[in-house]
Amino acid sequence: MEQVLPQTYEAELVEDILSLMASFSAKIYGKRAAENRRKNSHLRVVGGDSK
């Protein structure tokens, strides 16, 4: 079995901050993608594109 060493508080803080950044980035990119999908579907309806 592999022994796990305890992390320093700095390493734990860095890990926590990176996970928060990843979470917020995913939220922002998800909102942007949803907005783009909404805009594109509106353009298809208005423009008559059958894609």
C-alpha atoms as a PDB file:
ATOM      1  CA  MET A   1       0.000   0.000   0.000  1.00  0.00           C
ATOM      2  CA  GLU A   2       1.111   3.495  -0.773  1.00  0.00           C
ATOM      3  CA  GLN A   3       1.452   5.852   2.167  1.00  0.00           C
ATOM      4  CA  VAL A   4      -0.184   9.268   1.736  1.00  0.00           C
ATOM      5  CA  LEU A   5       1.692  12.160   3.308  1.00  0.00           C
ATOM      6  CA  PRO A   6      -0.301  15.025   4.792  1.00  0.00           C
ATOM      7  CA  GLN A   7      -0.396  18.162   2.658  1.00  0.00           C
ATOM      8  CA  THR A   8       0.905  21.460   3.887  1.00  0.00           C
ATOM      9  CA  TYR A   9      -1.720  24.132   4.325  1.00  0.00           C
ATOM     10  CA  GLU A  10      -0.254  26.004   1.332  1.00  0.00           C
ATOM     11  CA  ALA A  11      -0.653  22.977  -0.928  1.00  0.00           C
ATOM     12  CA  GLU A  12      -4.189  22.420   0.319  1.00  0.00           C
ATOM     13  CA  LEU A  13      -5.026  26.093  -0.263  1.00  0.00           C
ATOM     14  CA  VAL A  14      -3.666  25.931  -3.817  1.00  0.00           C
ATOM     15  CA  GLU A  15      -5.721  22.810  -4.503  1.00  0.00           C
ATOM     16  CA  ASP A  16      -8.869  24.478  -3.135  1.00  0.00           C
ATOM     17  CA  ILE A  17      -8.333  27.648  -5.193  1.00  0.00           C
ATOM     18  CA  LEU A  18      -7.751  25.643  -8.371  1.00  0.00           C
ATOM     19  CA  SER A  19     -10.936  23.676  -7.829  1.00  0.00           C
ATOM     20  CA  LEU A  20     -12.879  26.914  -7.281  1.00  0.00           C
ATOM     21  CA  MET A  21     -11.422  28.411 -10.460  1.00  0.00           C
ATOM     22  CA  ALA A  22     -12.370  25.292 -12.417  1.00  0.00           C
ATOM     23  CA  SER A  23     -15.894  25.404 -11.020  1.00  0.00           C
ATOM     24  CA  PHE A  24     -16.440  29.086 -11.827  1.00  0.00           C
ATOM     25  CA  SER A  25     -14.878  28.689 -15.288  1.00  0.00           C
ATOM     26  CA  ALA A  26     -17.228  25.831 -16.094  1.00  0.00           C
ATOM     27  CA  LYS A  27     -20.183  27.908 -14.927  1.00  0.00           C
ATOM     28  CA  ILE A  28     -19.152  30.892 -17.066  1.00  0.00           C
ATOM     29  CA  TYR A  29     -18.443  28.809 -20.179  1.00  0.00           C
ATOM     30  CA  GLY A  30     -21.683  26.889 -19.693  1.00  0.00           C
ATOM     31  CA  LYS A  31     -23.697  30.109 -19.548  1.00  0.00           C
ATOM     32  CA  ARG A  32     -21.923  31.439 -22.625  1.00  0.00           C
ATOM     33  CA  ALA A  33     -22.559  28.215 -24.551  1.00  0.00           C
ATOM     34  CA  ALA A  34     -26.239  28.207 -23.571  1.00  0.00           C
ATOM     35  CA  GLU A  35     -26.597  31.817 -24.684  1.00  0.00           C
ATOM     36  CA  ASN A  36     -24.905  31.038 -28.011  1.00  0.00           C
ATOM     37  CA  ARG A  37     -27.194  28.035 -28.546  1.00  0.00           C
ATOM     38  CA  ARG A  38     -30.201  30.236 -27.813  1.00  0.00           C
ATOM     39  CA  LYS A  39     -28.995  32.914 -30.250  1.00  0.00           C
ATOM     40  CA  ASN A  40     -28.220  30.360 -32.948  1.00  0.00           C
ATOM     41  CA  SER A  41     -31.611  28.683 -32.654  1.00  0.00           C
ATOM     42  CA  HIS A  42     -33.275  32.104 -32.878  1.00  0.00           C
ATOM     43  CA  LEU A  43     -31.252  32.930 -36.006  1.00  0.00           C
ATOM     44  CA  ARG A  44     -32.218  29.619 -37.597  1.00  0.00           C
ATOM     45  CA  VAL A  45     -35.911  30.307 -36.978  1.00  0.00           C
ATOM     46  CA  VAL A  46     -35.715  33.902 -38.220  1.00  0.00           C
ATOM     47  CA  GLY A  47     -33.342  33.158 -41.101  1.00  0.00           C
ATOM     48  CA  GLY A  48     -35.189  30.075 -42.282  1.00  0.00           C
ATOM     49  CA  ASP A  49     -32.105  27.856 -42.085  1.00  0.00           C
ATOM     50  CA  SER A  50     -33.163  24.224 -41.706  1.00  0.00           C
ATOM     51  CA  LYS A  51     -30.036  22.956 -39.883  1.00  0.00           C
END
